[in-house]
Amino acid sequence: MVRRLLASFGIGSAKVDTLLTSRTLRPGERLEGIVHLRGGQAEQRVLGIYLDLMTHVEHDDRLSAHRVARFDLDEDVRLGAGQEAEVLFGFVLPPYTPSTLAPDPRRTARSQVWLRTGLAVAWGLDPQDSDPLEVLPLPAVEVALEGVRQAGFRLEGVRNATQLMLQGAWLSLPLPVLQTFSFVPTGGYQGRLDKLELTLSDLGEELEFVLQLDQSTSGLGGLISDIRDTDESVQRLRFPADLAEPALVRQRLEEALEQGGV
């Protein structure tokens, strides 16, 4: 009786450990593994197992954990004291799963993704386990980023959000998690543009980005724009879902920059 009471407070309760077949994958690929259960000091009933795909989102310069998707395993297991059990699982990573791309591979990515495994146990605290994932961008997104690089820009940062700030207002877009790639100029756009940001906004029949230009505030023209808060322009760039040519992205981006007065 005492052991069951302690288990209800998480002391000597069941443990969970998830083993993944691979930690590196892309959206649309299958994530598979085994959930290993080990009973605690007293018998407990596991009413279900849930797998949460987690990431960090940013709002007002603060990071918070955010659930991208949940996958429930309909398992009802009664674990005796010290008893072990295993449950196989597999699911497809949603197409909107944010990548863990980092501008500097030597530093931890600001955009992290992990799998959180939890047990729903009767009369007790839910045991949990976390496993980090390396999520590569969709191939078409990789092509788009390469096109921006070829246009003379360097990736400076990657961040996630659930809403996008556009012209002073928060805007909700179709994807449940929005990933923004920030670039700084390294070539001919230096001095004319402080940075540009590409936010992946749709993954339907087309690949759509929201392009935000933060024009340089150097010089009198830039100073006036800065005072009026009109130095940031917004455009949308659309590409085929099977985008394969960086040159197309470079061409569209250069046209957008010219249209934006850069």
C-alpha atoms as a PDB file:
ATOM      1  CA  MET A   1       0.000   0.000   0.000  1.00  0.00           C
ATOM      2  CA  VAL A   2       2.836   2.389   0.893  1.00  0.00           C
ATOM      3  CA  ARG A   3       4.641   1.610  -2.360  1.00  0.00           C
ATOM      4  CA  ARG A   4       1.515   2.364  -4.386  1.00  0.00           C
ATOM      5  CA  LEU A   5       1.096   5.644  -2.543  1.00  0.00           C
ATOM      6  CA  LEU A   6       4.705   6.612  -3.241  1.00  0.00           C
ATOM      7  CA  ALA A   7       4.314   5.614  -6.898  1.00  0.00           C
ATOM      8  CA  SER A   8       1.342   7.958  -7.187  1.00  0.00           C
ATOM      9  CA  PHE A   9       3.763  10.789  -6.318  1.00  0.00           C
ATOM     10  CA  GLY A  10       6.312   9.575  -8.865  1.00  0.00           C
ATOM     11  CA  ILE A  11       8.556   7.878  -6.277  1.00  0.00           C
ATOM     12  CA  GLY A  12       9.459   4.374  -7.415  1.00  0.00           C
ATOM     13  CA  SER A  13       6.917   4.569 -10.249  1.00  0.00           C
ATOM     14  CA  ALA A  14       7.164   3.116 -13.772  1.00  0.00           C
ATOM     15  CA  LYS A  15       9.910   4.357 -16.089  1.00  0.00           C
ATOM     16  CA  VAL A  16       9.844   4.984 -19.827  1.00  0.00           C
ATOM     17  CA  ASP A  17      12.741   5.065 -22.294  1.00  0.00           C
ATOM     18  CA  THR A  18      12.309   5.594 -26.026  1.00  0.00           C
ATOM     19  CA  LEU A  19      14.824   4.110 -28.459  1.00  0.00           C
ATOM     20  CA  LEU A  20      14.803   5.582 -31.985  1.00  0.00           C
ATOM     21  CA  THR A  21      15.998   3.799 -35.118  1.00  0.00           C
ATOM     22  CA  SER A  22      17.303   7.156 -36.412  1.00  0.00           C
ATOM     23  CA  ARG A  23      17.553  10.637 -34.954  1.00  0.00           C
ATOM     24  CA  THR A  24      18.184  12.366 -38.294  1.00  0.00           C
ATOM     25  CA  LEU A  25      15.379  12.732 -40.815  1.00  0.00           C
ATOM     26  CA  ARG A  26      13.355  15.148 -42.919  1.00  0.00           C
ATOM     27  CA  PRO A  27       9.689  16.132 -42.775  1.00  0.00           C
ATOM     28  CA  GLY A  28       7.655  13.504 -44.573  1.00  0.00           C
ATOM     29  CA  GLU A  29       9.973  10.676 -43.527  1.00  0.00           C
ATOM     30  CA  ARG A  30       8.990   7.976 -41.074  1.00  0.00           C
ATOM     31  CA  LEU A  31      10.168   8.114 -37.475  1.00  0.00           C
ATOM     32  CA  GLU A  32      10.268   4.674 -35.882  1.00  0.00           C
ATOM     33  CA  GLY A  33      11.321   3.300 -32.545  1.00  0.00           C
ATOM     34  CA  ILE A  34      10.553   1.304 -29.440  1.00  0.00           C
ATOM     35  CA  VAL A  35       9.039   2.539 -26.194  1.00  0.00           C
ATOM     36  CA  HIS A  36      10.615   0.544 -23.374  1.00  0.00           C
ATOM     37  CA  LEU A  37       8.587   0.342 -20.155  1.00  0.00           C
ATOM     38  CA  ARG A  38       9.870  -0.790 -16.783  1.00  0.00           C
ATOM     39  CA  GLY A  39       7.651  -1.236 -13.787  1.00  0.00           C
ATOM     40  CA  GLY A  40       8.463   0.485 -10.515  1.00  0.00           C
ATOM     41  CA  GLN A  41       8.202  -0.715  -6.950  1.00  0.00           C
ATOM     42  CA  ALA A  42       4.475  -1.365  -7.193  1.00  0.00           C
ATOM     43  CA  GLU A  43       2.052  -2.561  -9.846  1.00  0.00           C
ATOM     44  CA  GLN A  44       0.755   0.253 -12.052  1.00  0.00           C
ATOM     45  CA  ARG A  45      -1.651   0.427 -14.969  1.00  0.00           C
ATOM     46  CA  VAL A  46      -0.503   2.318 -18.071  1.00  0.00           C
ATOM     47  CA  LEU A  47      -3.657   3.678 -19.692  1.00  0.00           C
ATOM     48  CA  GLY A  48      -1.894   5.005 -22.769  1.00  0.00           C
ATOM     49  CA  ILE A  49       1.347   6.185 -24.348  1.00  0.00           C
ATOM     50  CA  TYR A  50       1.684   9.526 -26.089  1.00  0.00           C
ATOM     51  CA  LEU A  51       4.484  10.823 -28.313  1.00  0.00           C
ATOM     52  CA  ASP A  52       4.761  14.606 -28.555  1.00  0.00           C
ATOM     53  CA  LEU A  53       6.825  16.256 -31.281  1.00  0.00           C
ATOM     54  CA  MET A  54       8.187  19.365 -29.569  1.00  0.00           C
ATOM     55  CA  THR A  55      10.073  22.509 -30.540  1.00  0.00           C
ATOM     56  CA  HIS A  56      10.866  25.967 -29.201  1.00  0.00           C
ATOM     57  CA  VAL A  57       8.896  28.992 -30.402  1.00  0.00           C
ATOM     58  CA  GLU A  58       9.795  32.611 -29.885  1.00  0.00           C
ATOM     59  CA  HIS A  59       7.465  35.391 -28.820  1.00  0.00           C
ATOM     60  CA  ASP A  60       8.570  38.811 -27.574  1.00  0.00           C
ATOM     61  CA  ASP A  61      12.192  37.557 -27.474  1.00  0.00           C
ATOM     62  CA  ARG A  62      11.237  34.696 -25.139  1.00  0.00           C
ATOM     63  CA  LEU A  63      11.522  31.005 -25.926  1.00  0.00           C
ATOM     64  CA  SER A  64       8.907  28.496 -24.826  1.00  0.00           C
ATOM     65  CA  ALA A  65       8.294  24.816 -25.512  1.00  0.00           C
ATOM     66  CA  HIS A  66       5.583  24.183 -28.106  1.00  0.00           C
ATOM     67  CA  ARG A  67       3.916  20.953 -29.204  1.00  0.00           C
ATOM     68  CA  VAL A  68       4.032  20.542 -32.972  1.00  0.00           C
ATOM     69  CA  ALA A  69       2.036  17.297 -33.079  1.00  0.00           C
ATOM     70  CA  ARG A  70       0.868  14.456 -30.833  1.00  0.00           C
ATOM     71  CA  PHE A  71       0.682  10.767 -31.667  1.00  0.00           C
ATOM     72  CA  ASP A  72      -1.247   8.486 -29.311  1.00  0.00           C
ATOM     73  CA  LEU A  73      -0.509   4.804 -28.921  1.00  0.00           C
ATOM     74  CA  ASP A  74      -3.660   3.024 -27.779  1.00  0.00           C
ATOM     75  CA  GLU A  75      -1.979   0.730 -25.303  1.00  0.00           C
ATOM     76  CA  ASP A  76      -3.393  -0.499 -22.010  1.00  0.00           C
ATOM     77  CA  VAL A  77      -0.633  -2.229 -20.071  1.00  0.00           C
ATOM     78  CA  ARG A  78      -0.580  -3.446 -16.508  1.00  0.00           C
ATOM     79  CA  LEU A  79       3.021  -3.367 -15.269  1.00  0.00           C
ATOM     80  CA  GLY A  80       3.936  -5.465 -12.276  1.00  0.00           C
ATOM     81  CA  ALA A  81       6.753  -4.401  -9.964  1.00  0.00           C
ATOM     82  CA  GLY A  82       9.976  -4.475 -12.002  1.00  0.00           C
ATOM     83  CA  GLN A  83       8.204  -5.911 -15.055  1.00  0.00           C
ATOM     84  CA  GLU A  84       9.382  -4.790 -18.509  1.00  0.00           C
ATOM     85  CA  ALA A  85       7.462  -4.325 -21.737  1.00  0.00           C
ATOM     86  CA  GLU A  86       8.129  -2.902 -25.208  1.00  0.00           C
ATOM     87  CA  VAL A  87       5.838  -1.131 -27.666  1.00  0.00           C
ATOM     88  CA  LEU A  88       6.799  -0.508 -31.296  1.00  0.00           C
ATOM     89  CA  PHE A  89       5.757   2.733 -32.984  1.00  0.00           C
ATOM     90  CA  GLY A  90       6.130   4.565 -36.256  1.00  0.00           C
ATOM     91  CA  PHE A  91       4.706   7.773 -37.699  1.00  0.00           C
ATOM     92  CA  VAL A  92       5.427  10.209 -40.502  1.00  0.00           C
ATOM     93  CA  LEU A  93       7.005  13.506 -39.520  1.00  0.00           C
ATOM     94  CA  PRO A  94       4.534  16.290 -40.479  1.00  0.00           C
ATOM     95  CA  PRO A  95       5.634  18.420 -43.467  1.00  0.00           C
ATOM     96  CA  TYR A  96       5.571  21.568 -41.314  1.00  0.00           C
ATOM     97  CA  THR A  97       8.046  20.172 -38.769  1.00  0.00           C
ATOM     98  CA  PRO A  98      10.675  22.926 -38.300  1.00  0.00           C
ATOM     99  CA  SER A  99      14.249  22.100 -39.192  1.00  0.00           C
ATOM    100  CA  THR A 100      17.067  22.229 -36.661  1.00  0.00           C
ATOM    101  CA  LEU A 101      19.294  24.104 -39.098  1.00  0.00           C
ATOM    102  CA  ALA A 102      21.961  26.209 -37.378  1.00  0.00           C
ATOM    103  CA  PRO A 103      23.951  29.031 -39.054  1.00  0.00           C
ATOM    104  CA  ASP A 104      27.044  27.878 -37.158  1.00  0.00           C
ATOM    105  CA  PRO A 105      27.336  24.069 -36.883  1.00  0.00           C
ATOM    106  CA  ARG A 106      29.640  24.515 -33.867  1.00  0.00           C
ATOM    107  CA  ARG A 107      26.817  26.043 -31.827  1.00  0.00           C
ATOM    108  CA  THR A 108      23.577  24.558 -30.587  1.00  0.00           C
ATOM    109  CA  ALA A 109      20.680  25.377 -32.904  1.00  0.00           C
ATOM    110  CA  ARG A 110      18.175  27.868 -31.514  1.00  0.00           C
ATOM    111  CA  SER A 111      15.511  25.860 -33.307  1.00  0.00           C
ATOM    112  CA  GLN A 112      15.507  22.518 -31.505  1.00  0.00           C
ATOM    113  CA  VAL A 113      13.145  19.600 -32.027  1.00  0.00           C
ATOM    114  CA  TRP A 114      12.665  16.662 -29.713  1.00  0.00           C
ATOM    115  CA  LEU A 115      10.337  13.730 -29.130  1.00  0.00           C
ATOM    116  CA  ARG A 116       8.698  13.668 -25.715  1.00  0.00           C
ATOM    117  CA  THR A 117       7.311  10.305 -24.663  1.00  0.00           C
ATOM    118  CA  GLY A 118       4.822  10.116 -21.825  1.00  0.00           C
ATOM    119  CA  LEU A 119       2.835   7.472 -20.027  1.00  0.00           C
ATOM    120  CA  ALA A 120      -0.704   8.051 -18.841  1.00  0.00           C
ATOM    121  CA  VAL A 121      -0.755   6.095 -15.592  1.00  0.00           C
ATOM    122  CA  ALA A 122      -3.662   5.545 -13.240  1.00  0.00           C
ATOM    123  CA  TRP A 123      -3.420   7.436  -9.965  1.00  0.00           C
ATOM    124  CA  GLY A 124       0.036   8.867 -10.489  1.00  0.00           C
ATOM    125  CA  LEU A 125       2.345  11.356 -12.160  1.00  0.00           C
ATOM    126  CA  ASP A 126       2.972  10.653 -15.836  1.00  0.00           C
ATOM    127  CA  PRO A 127       6.571   9.426 -16.414  1.00  0.00           C
ATOM    128  CA  GLN A 128       8.283  11.122 -19.396  1.00  0.00           C
ATOM    129  CA  ASP A 129      11.342  10.771 -21.616  1.00  0.00           C
ATOM    130  CA  SER A 130      12.862  13.195 -24.151  1.00  0.00           C
ATOM    131  CA  ASP A 131      14.953  12.426 -27.237  1.00  0.00           C
ATOM    132  CA  PRO A 132      16.505  15.154 -29.426  1.00  0.00           C
ATOM    133  CA  LEU A 133      16.045  14.986 -33.197  1.00  0.00           C
ATOM    134  CA  GLU A 134      18.045  16.427 -36.066  1.00  0.00           C
ATOM    135  CA  VAL A 135      15.490  17.584 -38.627  1.00  0.00           C
ATOM    136  CA  LEU A 136      16.858  18.491 -42.052  1.00  0.00           C
ATOM    137  CA  PRO A 137      14.928  20.971 -44.220  1.00  0.00           C
ATOM    138  CA  LEU A 138      12.677  19.758 -46.997  1.00  0.00           C
ATOM    139  CA  PRO A 139      14.722  19.391 -50.231  1.00  0.00           C
ATOM    140  CA  ALA A 140      12.812  22.257 -51.862  1.00  0.00           C
ATOM    141  CA  VAL A 141      13.509  24.493 -48.858  1.00  0.00           C
ATOM    142  CA  GLU A 142      17.213  23.613 -49.050  1.00  0.00           C
ATOM    143  CA  VAL A 143      17.182  24.667 -52.709  1.00  0.00           C
ATOM    144  CA  ALA A 144      15.491  27.958 -51.792  1.00  0.00           C
ATOM    145  CA  LEU A 145      18.087  28.704 -49.110  1.00  0.00           C
ATOM    146  CA  GLU A 146      20.889  27.926 -51.553  1.00  0.00           C
ATOM    147  CA  GLY A 147      19.345  30.348 -54.051  1.00  0.00           C
ATOM    148  CA  VAL A 148      19.395  33.120 -51.433  1.00  0.00           C
ATOM    149  CA  ARG A 149      23.044  32.325 -50.678  1.00  0.00           C
ATOM    150  CA  GLN A 150      23.910  32.525 -54.376  1.00  0.00           C
ATOM    151  CA  ALA A 151      22.261  35.966 -54.493  1.00  0.00           C
ATOM    152  CA  GLY A 152      24.885  37.195 -52.044  1.00  0.00           C
ATOM    153  CA  PHE A 153      23.513  36.511 -48.563  1.00  0.00           C
ATOM    154  CA  ARG A 154      24.623  34.547 -45.506  1.00  0.00           C
ATOM    155  CA  LEU A 155      22.303  32.740 -43.113  1.00  0.00           C
ATOM    156  CA  GLU A 156      22.473  34.510 -39.761  1.00  0.00           C
ATOM    157  CA  GLY A 157      19.664  32.975 -37.726  1.00  0.00           C
ATOM    158  CA  VAL A 158      16.712  30.593 -37.638  1.00  0.00           C
ATOM    159  CA  ARG A 159      13.723  30.956 -35.330  1.00  0.00           C
ATOM    160  CA  ASN A 160      10.267  29.475 -34.903  1.00  0.00           C
ATOM    161  CA  ALA A 161       6.943  31.106 -34.043  1.00  0.00           C
ATOM    162  CA  THR A 162       3.229  30.404 -34.177  1.00  0.00           C
ATOM    163  CA  GLN A 163       2.420  33.850 -35.590  1.00  0.00           C
ATOM    164  CA  LEU A 164       4.255  36.324 -37.779  1.00  0.00           C
ATOM    165  CA  MET A 165       4.682  40.022 -37.029  1.00  0.00           C
ATOM    166  CA  LEU A 166       3.924  41.981 -40.206  1.00  0.00           C
ATOM    167  CA  GLN A 167       3.842  45.761 -40.257  1.00  0.00           C
ATOM    168  CA  GLY A 168       3.171  46.006 -36.536  1.00  0.00           C
ATOM    169  CA  ALA A 169       0.451  43.343 -36.347  1.00  0.00           C
ATOM    170  CA  TRP A 170       0.476  39.634 -35.532  1.00  0.00           C
ATOM    171  CA  LEU A 171      -0.640  37.503 -38.466  1.00  0.00           C
ATOM    172  CA  SER A 172      -1.707  33.856 -38.299  1.00  0.00           C
ATOM    173  CA  LEU A 173      -0.725  31.739 -41.313  1.00  0.00           C
ATOM    174  CA  PRO A 174      -1.842  28.237 -42.410  1.00  0.00           C
ATOM    175  CA  LEU A 175       1.095  26.360 -40.870  1.00  0.00           C
ATOM    176  CA  PRO A 176       0.917  25.580 -37.123  1.00  0.00           C
ATOM    177  CA  VAL A 177       4.628  26.416 -36.749  1.00  0.00           C
ATOM    178  CA  LEU A 178       6.359  29.102 -38.803  1.00  0.00           C
ATOM    179  CA  GLN A 179      10.100  28.998 -39.392  1.00  0.00           C
ATOM    180  CA  THR A 180      11.940  32.188 -40.305  1.00  0.00           C
ATOM    181  CA  PHE A 181      15.397  32.275 -41.895  1.00  0.00           C
ATOM    182  CA  SER A 182      17.333  35.529 -41.402  1.00  0.00           C
ATOM    183  CA  PHE A 183      20.042  36.522 -43.873  1.00  0.00           C
ATOM    184  CA  VAL A 184      22.599  39.330 -43.990  1.00  0.00           C
ATOM    185  CA  PRO A 185      24.172  40.608 -47.229  1.00  0.00           C
ATOM    186  CA  THR A 186      27.748  39.645 -48.054  1.00  0.00           C
ATOM    187  CA  GLY A 187      28.035  41.103 -51.557  1.00  0.00           C
ATOM    188  CA  GLY A 188      26.668  43.983 -53.560  1.00  0.00           C
ATOM    189  CA  TYR A 189      23.675  44.519 -51.276  1.00  0.00           C
ATOM    190  CA  GLN A 190      25.852  45.549 -48.335  1.00  0.00           C
ATOM    191  CA  GLY A 191      25.053  49.101 -47.314  1.00  0.00           C
ATOM    192  CA  ARG A 192      21.699  48.947 -49.101  1.00  0.00           C
ATOM    193  CA  LEU A 193      20.056  46.254 -46.989  1.00  0.00           C
ATOM    194  CA  ASP A 194      20.552  45.372 -43.328  1.00  0.00           C
ATOM    195  CA  LYS A 195      18.953  41.950 -43.577  1.00  0.00           C
ATOM    196  CA  LEU A 196      16.199  39.953 -45.194  1.00  0.00           C
ATOM    197  CA  GLU A 197      13.945  37.337 -43.661  1.00  0.00           C
ATOM    198  CA  LEU A 198      12.209  34.438 -45.360  1.00  0.00           C
ATOM    199  CA  THR A 199       9.340  32.822 -43.461  1.00  0.00           C
ATOM    200  CA  LEU A 200       8.004  29.539 -44.769  1.00  0.00           C
ATOM    201  CA  SER A 201       4.277  30.264 -44.835  1.00  0.00           C
ATOM    202  CA  ASP A 202       2.648  27.510 -46.919  1.00  0.00           C
ATOM    203  CA  LEU A 203       3.454  23.981 -48.086  1.00  0.00           C
ATOM    204  CA  GLY A 204       0.466  23.212 -50.276  1.00  0.00           C
ATOM    205  CA  GLU A 205       0.654  22.936 -54.053  1.00  0.00           C
ATOM    206  CA  GLU A 206       3.292  25.656 -53.934  1.00  0.00           C
ATOM    207  CA  LEU A 207       6.159  26.531 -51.658  1.00  0.00           C
ATOM    208  CA  GLU A 208       5.428  30.004 -50.307  1.00  0.00           C
ATOM    209  CA  PHE A 209       7.688  32.350 -48.371  1.00  0.00           C
ATOM    210  CA  VAL A 210       6.931  35.717 -46.819  1.00  0.00           C
ATOM    211  CA  LEU A 211       9.866  37.974 -47.628  1.00  0.00           C
ATOM    212  CA  GLN A 212      10.614  40.881 -45.296  1.00  0.00           C
ATOM    213  CA  LEU A 213      13.282  43.418 -46.207  1.00  0.00           C
ATOM    214  CA  ASP A 214      14.957  45.492 -43.551  1.00  0.00           C
ATOM    215  CA  GLN A 215      16.594  48.214 -45.612  1.00  0.00           C
ATOM    216  CA  SER A 216      19.768  49.932 -44.523  1.00  0.00           C
ATOM    217  CA  THR A 217      19.305  52.996 -42.325  1.00  0.00           C
ATOM    218  CA  SER A 218      22.628  54.501 -43.388  1.00  0.00           C
ATOM    219  CA  GLY A 219      22.359  57.869 -45.132  1.00  0.00           C
ATOM    220  CA  LEU A 220      19.635  60.519 -45.122  1.00  0.00           C
ATOM    221  CA  GLY A 221      17.106  58.393 -47.016  1.00  0.00           C
ATOM    222  CA  GLY A 222      17.544  55.543 -44.569  1.00  0.00           C
ATOM    223  CA  LEU A 223      17.247  57.920 -41.617  1.00  0.00           C
ATOM    224  CA  ILE A 224      13.932  59.271 -42.892  1.00  0.00           C
ATOM    225  CA  SER A 225      12.632  55.730 -43.490  1.00  0.00           C
ATOM    226  CA  ASP A 226      13.711  54.726 -40.003  1.00  0.00           C
ATOM    227  CA  ILE A 227      11.917  57.672 -38.406  1.00  0.00           C
ATOM    228  CA  ARG A 228       8.744  56.888 -40.339  1.00  0.00           C
ATOM    229  CA  ASP A 229       9.097  53.165 -39.581  1.00  0.00           C
ATOM    230  CA  THR A 230       8.756  52.415 -43.289  1.00  0.00           C
ATOM    231  CA  ASP A 231      12.124  50.757 -43.839  1.00  0.00           C
ATOM    232  CA  GLU A 232      10.673  47.220 -43.851  1.00  0.00           C
ATOM    233  CA  SER A 233       8.807  45.986 -46.924  1.00  0.00           C
ATOM    234  CA  VAL A 234       6.912  42.722 -47.293  1.00  0.00           C
ATOM    235  CA  GLN A 235       6.408  40.506 -50.329  1.00  0.00           C
ATOM    236  CA  ARG A 236       5.414  36.906 -51.015  1.00  0.00           C
ATOM    237  CA  LEU A 237       7.566  34.551 -53.061  1.00  0.00           C
ATOM    238  CA  ARG A 238       6.028  31.385 -54.519  1.00  0.00           C
ATOM    239  CA  PHE A 239       7.843  28.439 -56.060  1.00  0.00           C
ATOM    240  CA  PRO A 240       6.918  24.956 -57.300  1.00  0.00           C
ATOM    241  CA  ALA A 241       6.618  22.394 -54.495  1.00  0.00           C
ATOM    242  CA  ASP A 242       9.302  20.345 -56.257  1.00  0.00           C
ATOM    243  CA  LEU A 243      11.681  23.305 -56.579  1.00  0.00           C
ATOM    244  CA  ALA A 244      15.064  22.053 -57.813  1.00  0.00           C
ATOM    245  CA  GLU A 245      16.888  25.059 -59.292  1.00  0.00           C
ATOM    246  CA  PRO A 246      18.532  27.638 -56.971  1.00  0.00           C
ATOM    247  CA  ALA A 247      18.863  29.953 -59.978  1.00  0.00           C
ATOM    248  CA  LEU A 248      15.070  30.432 -60.047  1.00  0.00           C
ATOM    249  CA  VAL A 249      15.105  31.564 -56.410  1.00  0.00           C
ATOM    250  CA  ARG A 250      17.998  33.911 -57.052  1.00  0.00           C
ATOM    251  CA  GLN A 251      16.181  35.464 -60.025  1.00  0.00           C
ATOM    252  CA  ARG A 252      12.896  35.921 -58.129  1.00  0.00           C
ATOM    253  CA  LEU A 253      14.699  37.331 -55.095  1.00  0.00           C
ATOM    254  CA  GLU A 254      16.668  39.859 -57.147  1.00  0.00           C
ATOM    255  CA  GLU A 255      13.427  40.952 -58.843  1.00  0.00           C
ATOM    256  CA  ALA A 256      11.771  41.338 -55.423  1.00  0.00           C
ATOM    257  CA  LEU A 257      14.703  43.370 -54.120  1.00  0.00           C
ATOM    258  CA  GLU A 258      14.545  45.676 -57.138  1.00  0.00           C
ATOM    259  CA  GLN A 259      10.797  46.056 -56.694  1.00  0.00           C
ATOM    260  CA  GLY A 260      11.402  46.877 -53.031  1.00  0.00           C
ATOM    261  CA  GLY A 261      13.749  49.663 -54.006  1.00  0.00           C
ATOM    262  CA  VAL A 262      16.947  48.003 -52.837  1.00  0.00           C
END
